[in-house]
Amino acid sequence: MKRLGKSEEIASGFIFLASDESSFMTGTALEIDGGYLMQ
């Protein structure tokens, strides 16, 4: 994407992890990097 993430884009990942929607997740890393690792 060739840009830094906006604070609201990063915050959405934290909000997800703090919500009940992520209650079944264990021992994983949530990469919020705009696809940088796909390169």
Protein backbone atom coordinates (compact mmCIF):
# COMPACT_ATOMS: atom_id res chain seq x y z
CA MET A 1 0.00 0.00 0.00
CA LYS A 2 3.08 2.20 0.37
CA ARG A 3 1.75 4.22 3.28
CA LEU A 4 1.56 4.05 7.04
CA GLY A 5 -1.65 2.82 8.59
CA LYS A 6 -4.11 5.30 10.01
CA SER A 7 -4.82 5.09 13.72
CA GLU A 8 -8.43 4.03 13.09
CA GLU A 9 -7.22 1.18 10.86
CA ILE A 10 -4.91 -0.09 13.59
CA ALA A 11 -7.51 0.45 16.32
CA SER A 12 -10.06 -1.74 14.54
CA GLY A 13 -7.80 -4.75 15.14
CA PHE A 14 -7.56 -3.98 18.84
CA ILE A 15 -11.31 -3.48 19.06
CA PHE A 16 -11.83 -6.87 17.41
CA LEU A 17 -9.46 -8.59 19.85
CA ALA A 18 -11.25 -6.99 22.81
CA SER A 19 -14.68 -8.01 21.52
CA ASP A 20 -16.64 -11.24 21.94
CA GLU A 21 -16.08 -11.90 18.22
CA SER A 22 -12.52 -13.03 18.99
CA SER A 23 -13.46 -15.25 21.93
CA PHE A 24 -12.56 -18.46 20.03
CA MET A 25 -9.08 -17.22 19.06
CA THR A 26 -6.10 -18.55 21.02
CA GLY A 27 -2.36 -18.26 20.52
CA THR A 28 -2.30 -16.32 17.29
CA ALA A 29 -0.74 -13.08 16.10
CA LEU A 30 -2.96 -10.62 14.27
CA GLU A 31 -0.75 -8.85 11.74
CA ILE A 32 -2.02 -5.37 10.93
CA ASP A 33 0.48 -4.25 8.32
CA GLY A 34 -1.51 -3.33 5.21
CA GLY A 35 -0.30 -6.42 3.36
CA TYR A 36 3.41 -5.70 3.88
CA LEU A 37 4.13 -9.36 4.73
CA MET A 38 2.58 -10.46 1.42
CA GLN A 39 5.43 -8.86 -0.56
